[in-house]
C-alpha atoms as a PDB file:
ATOM      1  CA  MET A   1       9.265  41.422  17.992  1.00  0.00           C
ATOM      2  CA  TYR A   2       6.993  43.697  15.744  1.00  0.00           C
ATOM      3  CA  LEU A   3       4.942  41.232  13.062  1.00  0.00           C
ATOM      4  CA  GLU A   4       3.988  43.372  10.016  1.00  0.00           C
ATOM      5  CA  PRO A   5       0.147  43.464   9.433  1.00  0.00           C
ATOM      6  CA  ARG A   6       0.438  41.671   6.008  1.00  0.00           C
ATOM      7  CA  TRP A   7       2.310  38.185   7.709  1.00  0.00           C
ATOM      8  CA  GLN A   8      -0.678  38.747  10.660  1.00  0.00           C
ATOM      9  CA  TYR A   9      -3.213  38.656   8.178  1.00  0.00           C
ATOM     10  CA  ARG A  10      -1.685  35.804   6.088  1.00  0.00           C
ATOM     11  CA  SER A  11      -0.634  33.626   9.116  1.00  0.00           C
ATOM     12  CA  GLY A  12      -4.336  34.209  11.300  1.00  0.00           C
ATOM     13  CA  VAL A  13      -5.775  32.826   7.298  1.00  0.00           C
ATOM     14  CA  ARG A  14      -3.423  29.858   6.975  1.00  0.00           C
ATOM     15  CA  LEU A  15      -4.209  29.045  11.264  1.00  0.00           C
ATOM     16  CA  PHE A  16      -7.841  28.956  11.027  1.00  0.00           C
ATOM     17  CA  VAL A  17      -8.339  27.488   7.646  1.00  0.00           C
ATOM     18  CA  GLY A  18      -5.888  24.917   9.053  1.00  0.00           C
ATOM     19  CA  LEU A  19      -7.798  24.454  11.900  1.00  0.00           C
ATOM     20  CA  LEU A  20     -11.006  23.922   9.654  1.00  0.00           C
ATOM     21  CA  SER A  21      -9.240  21.170   7.733  1.00  0.00           C
ATOM     22  CA  LEU A  22      -9.226  18.863  10.677  1.00  0.00           C
ATOM     23  CA  LEU A  23     -12.552  19.028  11.384  1.00  0.00           C
ATOM     24  CA  PRO A  24     -13.365  16.341   8.849  1.00  0.00           C
ATOM     25  CA  LEU A  25     -10.884  13.881  10.623  1.00  0.00           C
ATOM     26  CA  ALA A  26     -13.222  12.899  13.752  1.00  0.00           C
ATOM     27  CA  PRO A  27     -12.915   8.820  12.882  1.00  0.00           C
ATOM     28  CA  ALA A  28     -16.198   7.481  11.687  1.00  0.00           C
ATOM     29  CA  HIS A  29     -16.450   4.396  14.519  1.00  0.00           C
ATOM     30  CA  LEU A  30     -14.945   4.460  17.751  1.00  0.00           C
ATOM     31  CA  GLY A  31     -17.613   2.656  19.572  1.00  0.00           C
ATOM     32  CA  SER A  32     -18.776  -0.677  19.631  1.00  0.00           C
ATOM     33  CA  GLY A  33     -22.199   0.199  19.892  1.00  0.00           C
ATOM     34  CA  ASP A  34     -22.781   2.893  17.419  1.00  0.00           C
ATOM     35  CA  SER A  35     -26.676   1.564  16.358  1.00  0.00           C
ATOM     36  CA  VAL A  36     -27.496   2.983  19.578  1.00  0.00           C
ATOM     37  CA  GLN A  37     -28.953   6.256  18.633  1.00  0.00           C
ATOM     38  CA  PRO A  38     -31.174   9.051  19.740  1.00  0.00           C
ATOM     39  CA  ARG A  39     -34.605   7.656  18.942  1.00  0.00           C
ATOM     40  CA  ASN A  40     -38.389   8.690  19.603  1.00  0.00           C
ATOM     41  CA  THR A  41     -38.777   4.616  20.118  1.00  0.00           C
ATOM     42  CA  GLU A  42     -38.541   2.783  23.149  1.00  0.00           C
ATOM     43  CA  SER A  43     -39.013  -0.969  24.041  1.00  0.00           C
ATOM     44  CA  VAL A  44     -40.336  -1.682  27.497  1.00  0.00           C
ATOM     45  CA  ILE A  45     -40.291  -5.348  29.268  1.00  0.00           C
ATOM     46  CA  THR A  46     -43.630  -5.741  30.477  1.00  0.00           C
ATOM     47  CA  SER A  47     -43.352  -9.484  31.926  1.00  0.00           C
ATOM     48  CA  ILE A  48     -40.999 -12.175  32.133  1.00  0.00           C
ATOM     49  CA  ALA A  49     -42.826 -15.605  32.911  1.00  0.00           C
ATOM     50  CA  PRO A  50     -41.687 -17.628  35.073  1.00  0.00           C
ATOM     51  CA  ALA A  51     -39.813 -15.823  37.064  1.00  0.00           C
ATOM     52  CA  VAL A  52     -36.116 -15.924  36.454  1.00  0.00           C
ATOM     53  CA  PRO A  53     -33.924 -17.237  39.613  1.00  0.00           C
ATOM     54  CA  ASP A  54     -31.804 -14.723  41.361  1.00  0.00           C
ATOM     55  CA  GLY A  55     -28.179 -13.856  38.999  1.00  0.00           C
ATOM     56  CA  VAL A  56     -30.379 -13.896  36.154  1.00  0.00           C
ATOM     57  CA  LYS A  57     -30.995  -9.783  34.467  1.00  0.00           C
ATOM     58  CA  ILE A  58     -32.766  -9.595  31.178  1.00  0.00           C
ATOM     59  CA  GLU A  59     -33.066  -5.551  30.101  1.00  0.00           C
ATOM     60  CA  ILE A  60     -32.797  -3.430  27.163  1.00  0.00           C
ATOM     61  CA  ILE A  61     -30.175  -1.244  26.452  1.00  0.00           C
ATOM     62  CA  GLY A  62     -29.833   1.733  23.904  1.00  0.00           C
ATOM     63  CA  GLY A  63     -33.985   2.611  24.161  1.00  0.00           C
ATOM     64  CA  ASP A  64     -34.386  -0.255  21.423  1.00  0.00           C
ATOM     65  CA  THR A  65     -31.401  -1.544  20.207  1.00  0.00           C
ATOM     66  CA  PHE A  66     -29.809  -4.254  22.577  1.00  0.00           C
ATOM     67  CA  VAL A  67     -31.503  -6.773  24.495  1.00  0.00           C
ATOM     68  CA  ARG A  68     -28.988  -8.233  27.367  1.00  0.00           C
ATOM     69  CA  LEU A  69     -29.190 -11.306  29.274  1.00  0.00           C
ATOM     70  CA  THR A  70     -26.831 -11.606  32.458  1.00  0.00           C
ATOM     71  CA  ALA A  71     -26.524 -15.103  33.825  1.00  0.00           C
ATOM     72  CA  VAL A  72     -24.380 -15.496  36.657  1.00  0.00           C
ATOM     73  CA  GLY A  73     -24.305 -19.381  37.949  1.00  0.00           C
ATOM     74  CA  VAL A  74     -26.955 -19.984  35.783  1.00  0.00           C
ATOM     75  CA  ARG A  75     -27.871 -21.997  32.551  1.00  0.00           C
ATOM     76  CA  ALA A  76     -29.203 -20.073  30.028  1.00  0.00           C
ATOM     77  CA  GLU A  77     -30.436 -19.832  26.397  1.00  0.00           C
ATOM     78  CA  VAL A  78     -31.560 -17.807  23.831  1.00  0.00           C
ATOM     79  CA  ARG A  79     -34.024 -18.890  21.148  1.00  0.00           C
ATOM     80  CA  GLY A  80     -33.534 -17.394  17.451  1.00  0.00           C
ATOM     81  CA  TYR A  81     -36.751 -16.160  15.028  1.00  0.00           C
ATOM     82  CA  ASP A  82     -36.873 -19.763  14.142  1.00  0.00           C
ATOM     83  CA  ASP A  83     -37.188 -20.850  17.717  1.00  0.00           C
ATOM     84  CA  GLU A  84     -33.222 -22.533  16.892  1.00  0.00           C
ATOM     85  CA  PRO A  85     -30.409 -22.350  19.557  1.00  0.00           C
ATOM     86  CA  TYR A  86     -29.433 -18.652  19.138  1.00  0.00           C
ATOM     87  CA  LEU A  87     -27.150 -18.097  22.483  1.00  0.00           C
ATOM     88  CA  ARG A  88     -26.006 -20.032  25.463  1.00  0.00           C
ATOM     89  CA  ILE A  89     -24.596 -18.789  28.501  1.00  0.00           C
ATOM     90  CA  SER A  90     -22.859 -21.951  30.872  1.00  0.00           C
ATOM     91  CA  ALA A  91     -23.427 -21.860  34.501  1.00  0.00           C
ATOM     92  CA  GLU A  92     -19.383 -20.788  34.439  1.00  0.00           C
ATOM     93  CA  GLY A  93     -20.387 -17.998  32.442  1.00  0.00           C
ATOM     94  CA  LEU A  94     -19.170 -19.107  29.278  1.00  0.00           C
ATOM     95  CA  VAL A  95     -20.984 -17.186  26.417  1.00  0.00           C
ATOM     96  CA  GLU A  96     -21.882 -18.964  23.122  1.00  0.00           C
ATOM     97  CA  ILE A  97     -23.395 -17.690  19.739  1.00  0.00           C
ATOM     98  CA  ASN A  98     -24.706 -20.470  17.461  1.00  0.00           C
ATOM     99  CA  GLU A  99     -23.131 -19.648  13.945  1.00  0.00           C
ATOM    100  CA  SER A 100     -25.544 -22.104  12.147  1.00  0.00           C
ATOM    101  CA  SER A 101     -28.344 -19.640  13.479  1.00  0.00           C
ATOM    102  CA  VAL A 102     -29.859 -17.773  10.628  1.00  0.00           C
ATOM    103  CA  THR A 103     -30.528 -15.091  13.599  1.00  0.00           C
ATOM    104  CA  ALA A 104     -26.784 -14.516  13.612  1.00  0.00           C
ATOM    105  CA  VAL A 105     -26.678 -13.767  10.332  1.00  0.00           C
ATOM    106  CA  LEU A 106     -29.926 -11.394  10.731  1.00  0.00           C
ATOM    107  CA  ASN A 107     -28.878  -9.734  13.722  1.00  0.00           C
ATOM    108  CA  GLY A 108     -25.737  -8.322  12.241  1.00  0.00           C
ATOM    109  CA  ASP A 109     -27.828  -5.686  10.956  1.00  0.00           C
ATOM    110  CA  ARG A 110     -30.587  -3.274  12.849  1.00  0.00           C
ATOM    111  CA  TYR A 111     -32.237  -3.725  10.140  1.00  0.00           C
ATOM    112  CA  GLY A 112     -31.507  -7.175   8.818  1.00  0.00           C
ATOM    113  CA  ASN A 113     -30.403  -5.806   5.641  1.00  0.00           C
ATOM    114  CA  VAL A 114     -27.710  -8.660   5.325  1.00  0.00           C
ATOM    115  CA  ASP A 115     -27.677 -11.338   2.440  1.00  0.00           C
ATOM    116  CA  THR A 116     -28.598 -14.905   3.591  1.00  0.00           C
ATOM    117  CA  SER A 117     -28.571 -16.224  -0.008  1.00  0.00           C
ATOM    118  CA  GLN A 118     -25.462 -17.952   0.397  1.00  0.00           C
ATOM    119  CA  MET A 119     -26.516 -19.532   3.821  1.00  0.00           C
ATOM    120  CA  GLU A 120     -26.838 -23.272   4.094  1.00  0.00           C
ATOM    121  CA  PRO A 121     -29.612 -24.291   6.674  1.00  0.00           C
ATOM    122  CA  ASN A 122     -27.856 -26.311   9.242  1.00  0.00           C
ATOM    123  CA  LEU A 123     -29.779 -28.193  12.415  1.00  0.00           C
ATOM    124  CA  VAL A 124     -26.258 -29.073  13.653  1.00  0.00           C
ATOM    125  CA  PRO A 125     -25.113 -25.986  16.543  1.00  0.00           C
ATOM    126  CA  LYS A 126     -21.320 -24.390  15.592  1.00  0.00           C
ATOM    127  CA  TRP A 127     -21.131 -22.835  18.616  1.00  0.00           C
ATOM    128  CA  ARG A 128     -18.189 -19.771  19.111  1.00  0.00           C
ATOM    129  CA  THR A 129     -17.228 -18.144  22.073  1.00  0.00           C
ATOM    130  CA  ILE A 130     -17.849 -14.751  22.064  1.00  0.00           C
ATOM    131  CA  ALA A 131     -17.477 -13.831  26.062  1.00  0.00           C
ATOM    132  CA  THR A 132     -16.534 -15.436  29.353  1.00  0.00           C
ATOM    133  CA  ASN A 133     -18.430 -13.030  31.816  1.00  0.00           C
ATOM    134  CA  GLY A 134     -21.733 -14.328  31.664  1.00  0.00           C
ATOM    135  CA  ILE A 135     -23.079 -11.289  29.757  1.00  0.00           C
ATOM    136  CA  ALA A 136     -24.738 -11.700  26.176  1.00  0.00           C
ATOM    137  CA  MET A 137     -26.151  -8.447  24.293  1.00  0.00           C
ATOM    138  CA  TRP A 138     -27.487  -8.812  21.096  1.00  0.00           C
ATOM    139  CA  HIS A 139     -29.902  -7.179  17.992  1.00  0.00           C
ATOM    140  CA  ASP A 140     -33.272  -8.319  18.527  1.00  0.00           C
ATOM    141  CA  HIS A 141     -35.509  -7.604  15.174  1.00  0.00           C
ATOM    142  CA  ARG A 142     -38.460  -8.870  17.295  1.00  0.00           C
ATOM    143  CA  SER A 143     -38.333  -6.073  19.924  1.00  0.00           C
ATOM    144  CA  HIS A 144     -37.605  -2.809  17.858  1.00  0.00           C
ATOM    145  CA  TRP A 145     -38.651  -1.129  14.588  1.00  0.00           C
ATOM    146  CA  MET A 146     -37.460  -2.804  11.191  1.00  0.00           C
ATOM    147  CA  SER A 147     -37.212   0.569   9.411  1.00  0.00           C
ATOM    148  CA  PRO A 148     -35.804   4.036   9.680  1.00  0.00           C
ATOM    149  CA  LYS A 149     -38.552   5.348   9.191  1.00  0.00           C
ATOM    150  CA  LEU A 150     -40.610   6.232  12.244  1.00  0.00           C
ATOM    151  CA  PRO A 151     -43.871   3.916  13.046  1.00  0.00           C
ATOM    152  CA  ALA A 152     -47.266   4.549  13.733  1.00  0.00           C
ATOM    153  CA  ALA A 153     -48.912   4.202  17.137  1.00  0.00           C
ATOM    154  CA  ILE A 154     -51.746   1.714  17.613  1.00  0.00           C
ATOM    155  CA  ASP A 155     -53.317   3.675  20.557  1.00  0.00           C
ATOM    156  CA  ASP A 156     -53.112   6.739  22.914  1.00  0.00           C
ATOM    157  CA  LYS A 157     -50.345   5.339  24.932  1.00  0.00           C
ATOM    158  CA  GLY A 158     -48.410   4.396  21.825  1.00  0.00           C
ATOM    159  CA  THR A 159     -47.686   0.977  21.489  1.00  0.00           C
ATOM    160  CA  VAL A 160     -46.411   0.415  18.378  1.00  0.00           C
ATOM    161  CA  LEU A 161     -46.194  -3.380  18.722  1.00  0.00           C
ATOM    162  CA  ASN A 162     -45.903  -6.485  21.371  1.00  0.00           C
ATOM    163  CA  TRP A 163     -43.298  -8.484  21.211  1.00  0.00           C
ATOM    164  CA  ASP A 164     -42.071 -12.030  22.643  1.00  0.00           C
ATOM    165  CA  ILE A 165     -38.372 -13.574  23.094  1.00  0.00           C
ATOM    166  CA  PRO A 166     -38.578 -17.562  24.135  1.00  0.00           C
ATOM    167  CA  MET A 167     -34.938 -18.307  26.456  1.00  0.00           C
ATOM    168  CA  ILE A 168     -34.616 -21.031  28.359  1.00  0.00           C
ATOM    169  CA  ILE A 169     -33.539 -20.268  31.857  1.00  0.00           C
ATOM    170  CA  ALA A 170     -32.457 -22.988  34.519  1.00  0.00           C
ATOM    171  CA  GLY A 171     -33.936 -25.755  32.306  1.00  0.00           C
ATOM    172  CA  GLN A 172     -37.224 -23.925  31.959  1.00  0.00           C
ATOM    173  CA  ARG A 173     -38.865 -22.380  29.027  1.00  0.00           C
ATOM    174  CA  THR A 174     -39.392 -18.907  29.647  1.00  0.00           C
ATOM    175  CA  LEU A 175     -40.749 -16.120  27.618  1.00  0.00           C
ATOM    176  CA  VAL A 176     -39.550 -12.506  27.544  1.00  0.00           C
ATOM    177  CA  SER A 177     -42.651 -10.316  26.623  1.00  0.00           C
ATOM    178  CA  GLY A 178     -42.424  -6.411  25.657  1.00  0.00           C
ATOM    179  CA  THR A 179     -44.016  -3.317  24.146  1.00  0.00           C
ATOM    180  CA  LEU A 180     -42.520  -1.052  22.016  1.00  0.00           C
ATOM    181  CA  PHE A 181     -43.578   2.286  22.501  1.00  0.00           C
ATOM    182  CA  LEU A 182     -43.593   5.436  20.124  1.00  0.00           C
ATOM    183  CA  ARG A 183     -42.628   8.412  22.475  1.00  0.00           C
ATOM    184  CA  ASP A 184     -43.646  11.866  21.839  1.00  0.00           C
ATOM    185  CA  LYS A 185     -40.134  14.402  20.699  1.00  0.00           C
ATOM    186  CA  SER A 186     -38.890  16.952  23.551  1.00  0.00           C
ATOM    187  CA  SER A 187     -40.215  20.468  22.922  1.00  0.00           C
ATOM    188  CA  ILE A 188     -38.614  22.566  20.233  1.00  0.00           C
ATOM    189  CA  ALA A 189     -38.255  25.009  22.985  1.00  0.00           C
ATOM    190  CA  TRP A 190     -34.969  23.818  23.717  1.00  0.00           C
ATOM    191  CA  TRP A 191     -33.241  25.529  21.103  1.00  0.00           C
ATOM    192  CA  LEU A 192     -34.064  28.992  22.889  1.00  0.00           C
ATOM    193  CA  ALA A 193     -31.242  27.785  25.379  1.00  0.00           C
ATOM    194  CA  GLY A 194     -28.747  29.248  23.013  1.00  0.00           C
ATOM    195  CA  LEU A 195     -29.999  32.584  22.770  1.00  0.00           C
ATOM    196  CA  PRO A 196     -29.273  34.060  25.671  1.00  0.00           C
ATOM    197  CA  ALA A 197     -25.715  32.347  24.887  1.00  0.00           C
ATOM    198  CA  VAL A 198     -25.887  34.598  21.819  1.00  0.00           C
ATOM    199  CA  VAL A 199     -26.545  37.727  23.206  1.00  0.00           C
ATOM    200  CA  ILE A 200     -23.489  37.478  25.894  1.00  0.00           C
ATOM    201  CA  ALA A 201     -20.870  35.919  23.886  1.00  0.00           C
ATOM    202  CA  VAL A 202     -21.558  38.712  21.208  1.00  0.00           C
ATOM    203  CA  LEU A 203     -21.627  41.297  23.943  1.00  0.00           C
ATOM    204  CA  LEU A 204     -18.421  40.015  25.608  1.00  0.00           C
ATOM    205  CA  SER A 205     -16.941  39.829  22.138  1.00  0.00           C
ATOM    206  CA  LEU A 206     -17.060  43.205  21.792  1.00  0.00           C
ATOM    207  CA  PHE A 207     -16.455  44.849  25.090  1.00  0.00           C
ATOM    208  CA  ARG A 208     -14.724  42.233  26.843  1.00  0.00           C
ATOM    209  CA  ARG A 209     -12.129  39.991  24.755  1.00  0.00           C
ATOM    210  CA  ARG A 210     -10.824  38.194  27.718  1.00  0.00           C
ATOM    211  CA  GLY A 211     -14.082  37.169  28.865  1.00  0.00           C
ATOM    212  CA  PHE A 212     -14.954  36.057  25.382  1.00  0.00           C
ATOM    213  CA  PHE A 213     -12.177  33.820  25.034  1.00  0.00           C
ATOM    214  CA  ALA A 214     -13.516  32.447  28.022  1.00  0.00           C
ATOM    215  CA  ILE A 215     -17.402  31.692  26.773  1.00  0.00           C
ATOM    216  CA  VAL A 216     -15.808  29.851  24.123  1.00  0.00           C
ATOM    217  CA  LEU A 217     -13.789  27.400  26.818  1.00  0.00           C
ATOM    218  CA  ALA A 218     -16.516  27.584  28.810  1.00  0.00           C
ATOM    219  CA  ALA A 219     -18.693  25.909  26.397  1.00  0.00           C
ATOM    220  CA  SER A 220     -16.319  23.745  24.916  1.00  0.00           C
ATOM    221  CA  LEU A 221     -16.099  22.376  28.721  1.00  0.00           C
ATOM    222  CA  LEU A 222     -19.871  22.132  28.718  1.00  0.00           C
ATOM    223  CA  GLY A 223     -19.590  19.904  25.723  1.00  0.00           C
ATOM    224  CA  VAL A 224     -16.739  17.902  27.189  1.00  0.00           C
ATOM    225  CA  VAL A 225     -18.775  16.764  30.369  1.00  0.00           C
ATOM    226  CA  ALA A 226     -22.078  15.938  28.560  1.00  0.00           C
ATOM    227  CA  GLY A 227     -20.101  13.849  25.950  1.00  0.00           C
ATOM    228  CA  PHE A 228     -18.427  12.014  28.844  1.00  0.00           C
ATOM    229  CA  MET A 229     -22.186  11.184  30.637  1.00  0.00           C
ATOM    230  CA  GLU A 230     -23.390   9.999  27.305  1.00  0.00           C
ATOM    231  CA  TYR A 231     -20.647   7.737  26.721  1.00  0.00           C
ATOM    232  CA  ASN A 232     -19.818   6.347  29.858  1.00  0.00           C
ATOM    233  CA  GLY A 233     -23.571   6.064  30.756  1.00  0.00           C
ATOM    234  CA  LEU A 234     -23.727   2.649  28.389  1.00  0.00           C
ATOM    235  CA  PRO A 235     -22.062  -0.851  29.012  1.00  0.00           C
ATOM    236  CA  ASP A 236     -18.745  -1.449  27.178  1.00  0.00           C
ATOM    237  CA  ASP A 237     -20.513  -3.134  24.274  1.00  0.00           C
ATOM    238  CA  ALA A 238     -22.912  -0.738  23.445  1.00  0.00           C
ATOM    239  CA  ARG A 239     -21.097   2.737  23.712  1.00  0.00           C
ATOM    240  CA  ILE A 240     -20.872   4.940  20.705  1.00  0.00           C
ATOM    241  CA  THR A 241     -18.516   6.786  18.798  1.00  0.00           C
ATOM    242  CA  PRO A 242     -17.779   9.750  21.315  1.00  0.00           C
ATOM    243  CA  VAL A 243     -18.407  12.632  19.067  1.00  0.00           C
ATOM    244  CA  MET A 244     -19.507  15.492  21.325  1.00  0.00           C
ATOM    245  CA  LEU A 245     -16.490  14.364  23.929  1.00  0.00           C
ATOM    246  CA  MET A 246     -14.427  14.415  20.987  1.00  0.00           C
ATOM    247  CA  PHE A 247     -15.122  17.592  18.993  1.00  0.00           C
ATOM    248  CA  CYS A 248     -16.027  19.543  22.429  1.00  0.00           C
ATOM    249  CA  ALA A 249     -12.387  18.215  24.221  1.00  0.00           C
ATOM    250  CA  GLY A 250     -10.575  19.524  20.752  1.00  0.00           C
ATOM    251  CA  ALA A 251     -12.088  22.707  20.673  1.00  0.00           C
ATOM    252  CA  ALA A 252     -11.492  23.100  24.554  1.00  0.00           C
ATOM    253  CA  ALA A 253      -7.474  22.329  23.868  1.00  0.00           C
ATOM    254  CA  ILE A 254      -8.074  25.031  20.896  1.00  0.00           C
ATOM    255  CA  ALA A 255      -9.517  27.486  23.358  1.00  0.00           C
ATOM    256  CA  ILE A 256      -7.132  26.898  25.895  1.00  0.00           C
ATOM    257  CA  ALA A 257      -4.265  27.832  23.531  1.00  0.00           C
ATOM    258  CA  SER A 258      -6.243  30.911  22.058  1.00  0.00           C
ATOM    259  CA  MET A 259      -6.228  32.162  25.757  1.00  0.00           C
ATOM    260  CA  ALA A 260      -2.487  31.314  26.449  1.00  0.00           C
ATOM    261  CA  ARG A 261      -1.747  33.348  23.153  1.00  0.00           C
ATOM    262  CA  LEU A 262      -4.118  36.095  24.174  1.00  0.00           C
ATOM    263  CA  ILE A 263      -1.560  37.161  27.123  1.00  0.00           C
ATOM    264  CA  ARG A 264       1.146  37.445  24.821  1.00  0.00           C
ATOM    265  CA  PRO A 265       1.938  40.666  22.848  1.00  0.00           C
ATOM    266  CA  GLY A 266       1.930  40.925  19.252  1.00  0.00           C
ATOM    267  CA  ALA A 267      -0.430  37.203  19.061  1.00  0.00           C
ATOM    268  CA  MET A 268      -3.892  38.654  19.185  1.00  0.00           C
ATOM    269  CA  HIS A 269      -4.466  37.631  15.265  1.00  0.00           C
ATOM    270  CA  ILE A 270      -3.294  34.027  16.319  1.00  0.00           C
ATOM    271  CA  ALA A 271      -5.633  34.185  19.499  1.00  0.00           C
ATOM    272  CA  VAL A 272      -8.312  34.914  17.339  1.00  0.00           C
ATOM    273  CA  SER A 273      -7.769  32.762  14.693  1.00  0.00           C
ATOM    274  CA  LEU A 274      -7.672  29.871  17.462  1.00  0.00           C
ATOM    275  CA  ASN A 275     -10.498  31.263  19.147  1.00  0.00           C
ATOM    276  CA  ALA A 276     -12.393  31.246  15.618  1.00  0.00           C
ATOM    277  CA  GLY A 277     -11.455  27.173  14.875  1.00  0.00           C
ATOM    278  CA  ALA A 278     -12.551  26.452  18.564  1.00  0.00           C
ATOM    279  CA  GLY A 279     -15.833  28.180  17.522  1.00  0.00           C
ATOM    280  CA  ALA A 280     -15.931  26.149  14.280  1.00  0.00           C
ATOM    281  CA  ALA A 281     -14.905  22.964  16.370  1.00  0.00           C
ATOM    282  CA  LEU A 282     -18.528  23.940  18.128  1.00  0.00           C
ATOM    283  CA  VAL A 283     -20.803  23.992  15.412  1.00  0.00           C
ATOM    284  CA  VAL A 284     -19.657  21.072  13.590  1.00  0.00           C
ATOM    285  CA  CYS A 285     -20.540  19.208  17.039  1.00  0.00           C
ATOM    286  CA  GLY A 286     -23.644  20.837  17.112  1.00  0.00           C
ATOM    287  CA  PHE A 287     -24.754  19.923  13.981  1.00  0.00           C
ATOM    288  CA  LEU A 288     -23.550  16.117  14.111  1.00  0.00           C
ATOM    289  CA  THR A 289     -25.501  16.186  17.603  1.00  0.00           C
ATOM    290  CA  ALA A 290     -28.306  18.540  16.932  1.00  0.00           C
ATOM    291  CA  ASN A 291     -30.838  15.227  16.924  1.00  0.00           C
ATOM    292  CA  GLN A 292     -30.443  14.944  20.630  1.00  0.00           C
ATOM    293  CA  VAL A 293     -32.167  18.342  21.311  1.00  0.00           C
ATOM    294  CA  ARG A 294     -35.764  16.848  20.360  1.00  0.00           C
ATOM    295  CA  ALA A 295     -35.151  13.228  20.770  1.00  0.00           C
ATOM    296  CA  SER A 296     -36.965  11.270  23.411  1.00  0.00           C
ATOM    297  CA  TYR A 297     -33.916   8.880  23.775  1.00  0.00           C
ATOM    298  CA  ILE A 298     -30.304   9.976  23.952  1.00  0.00           C
ATOM    299  CA  PRO A 299     -27.685   7.617  24.520  1.00  0.00           C
ATOM    300  CA  GLY A 300     -26.474   7.026  27.935  1.00  0.00           C
ATOM    301  CA  ILE A 301     -27.301  10.018  29.620  1.00  0.00           C
ATOM    302  CA  ASP A 302     -30.201  10.512  32.106  1.00  0.00           C
ATOM    303  CA  GLN A 303     -30.285  13.886  32.621  1.00  0.00           C
ATOM    304  CA  MET A 304     -30.886  14.259  29.240  1.00  0.00           C
ATOM    305  CA  TRP A 305     -31.833  18.013  29.468  1.00  0.00           C
ATOM    306  CA  ILE A 306     -27.982  18.336  30.145  1.00  0.00           C
ATOM    307  CA  ALA A 307     -27.317  17.821  26.481  1.00  0.00           C
ATOM    308  CA  ARG A 308     -30.783  19.440  25.100  1.00  0.00           C
ATOM    309  CA  ILE A 309     -29.175  22.760  26.799  1.00  0.00           C
ATOM    310  CA  ALA A 310     -25.632  22.262  25.881  1.00  0.00           C
ATOM    311  CA  ILE A 311     -25.785  21.287  22.269  1.00  0.00           C
ATOM    312  CA  PRO A 312     -27.560  24.913  21.477  1.00  0.00           C
ATOM    313  CA  ILE A 313     -25.468  26.774  23.815  1.00  0.00           C
ATOM    314  CA  MET A 314     -22.556  24.925  22.184  1.00  0.00           C
ATOM    315  CA  MET A 315     -23.813  26.142  18.556  1.00  0.00           C
ATOM    316  CA  GLY A 316     -25.109  29.495  19.769  1.00  0.00           C
ATOM    317  CA  ILE A 317     -21.229  30.635  21.040  1.00  0.00           C
ATOM    318  CA  GLY A 318     -19.624  28.806  18.188  1.00  0.00           C
ATOM    319  CA  PHE A 319     -21.210  30.843  15.529  1.00  0.00           C
ATOM    320  CA  VAL A 320     -20.006  34.258  17.421  1.00  0.00           C
ATOM    321  CA  SER A 321     -17.005  32.741  18.007  1.00  0.00           C
ATOM    322  CA  VAL A 322     -16.374  32.064  13.918  1.00  0.00           C
ATOM    323  CA  ILE A 323     -18.212  34.877  12.650  1.00  0.00           C
ATOM    324  CA  ASP A 324     -15.856  37.436  15.259  1.00  0.00           C
ATOM    325  CA  GLY A 325     -12.742  35.322  13.908  1.00  0.00           C
ATOM    326  CA  VAL A 326     -13.210  35.466  10.187  1.00  0.00           C
ATOM    327  CA  THR A 327     -14.409  39.671  10.725  1.00  0.00           C
ATOM    328  CA  ARG A 328     -11.525  40.308  12.651  1.00  0.00           C
ATOM    329  CA  ILE A 329      -9.218  38.531  10.657  1.00  0.00           C
ATOM    330  CA  VAL A 330     -11.090  39.930   7.250  1.00  0.00           C
ATOM    331  CA  ARG A 331     -10.370  43.819   9.014  1.00  0.00           C
ATOM    332  CA  SER A 332      -6.750  43.000   9.736  1.00  0.00           C
ATOM    333  CA  ALA A 333      -6.146  42.735   5.966  1.00  0.00           C
ATOM    334  CA  PRO A 334      -3.277  45.024   4.459  1.00  0.00           C
END
């Protein structure tokens, strides 16, 4: 069926603008641990005294965001900022929080920005069950920096502060000690990974259209892999909103649709618009996750180089795809 140039132009513009309008609709929160973010601070446990029995594990999750206590077949209790009972785990794995504890209120926000004026001191604990698996995970203001501004290191090791969290493990007073460090940013040179991707994308857009559409899909799938690794690499309660996974999965779906339209006669304008829409999703994704490129800690992924390479590549190819789509749509205007 023959399509008039005017109709092709209008449909291409409408499709591209329609895809752009969907980009802001990403949910603001899908993860339970969205305070786990790329950071340049890291909290490290340096000692636990006395040694804890088998079945007990204490660790830092999310760089410096959460402390996690696992107690299997052992009674354990975490003391609050005023040495009041804060959390407890029974030998059967019942996890409870003391709602009368001011620590429970303060820990509701990473920086303690909560209103405690209406809270009345109560020496009688009010326990509420929060889990039955023997695992407690919480923000602890003793083990991280209490400001969104970067701290200053006090020595060449990057030490910011030393901290202690008192607990009672199997009836014994236990002190968990650690150090908060300020780590160096990764090199700005990681952004250069996007340069060869841009060059290849430009050449393919000019001389190998099918290859160009394929590289947009490949960049989207790279983001899907990196995004899944970030999301899956964190414990359930610490998982963040999978921004990279969502945007790149959407970009991949649009890129596949564009390749399907590419093989249909007379549908080039639709294919170009779809491909540009996929590129726009990659650009937005790259913008939202750009702080991962130089952060010393990236949530959930041990192979941080994957994210540091993927983001510049996605942004570079995405920009080329958007520019290619817009220029071709404009040129097709009657």
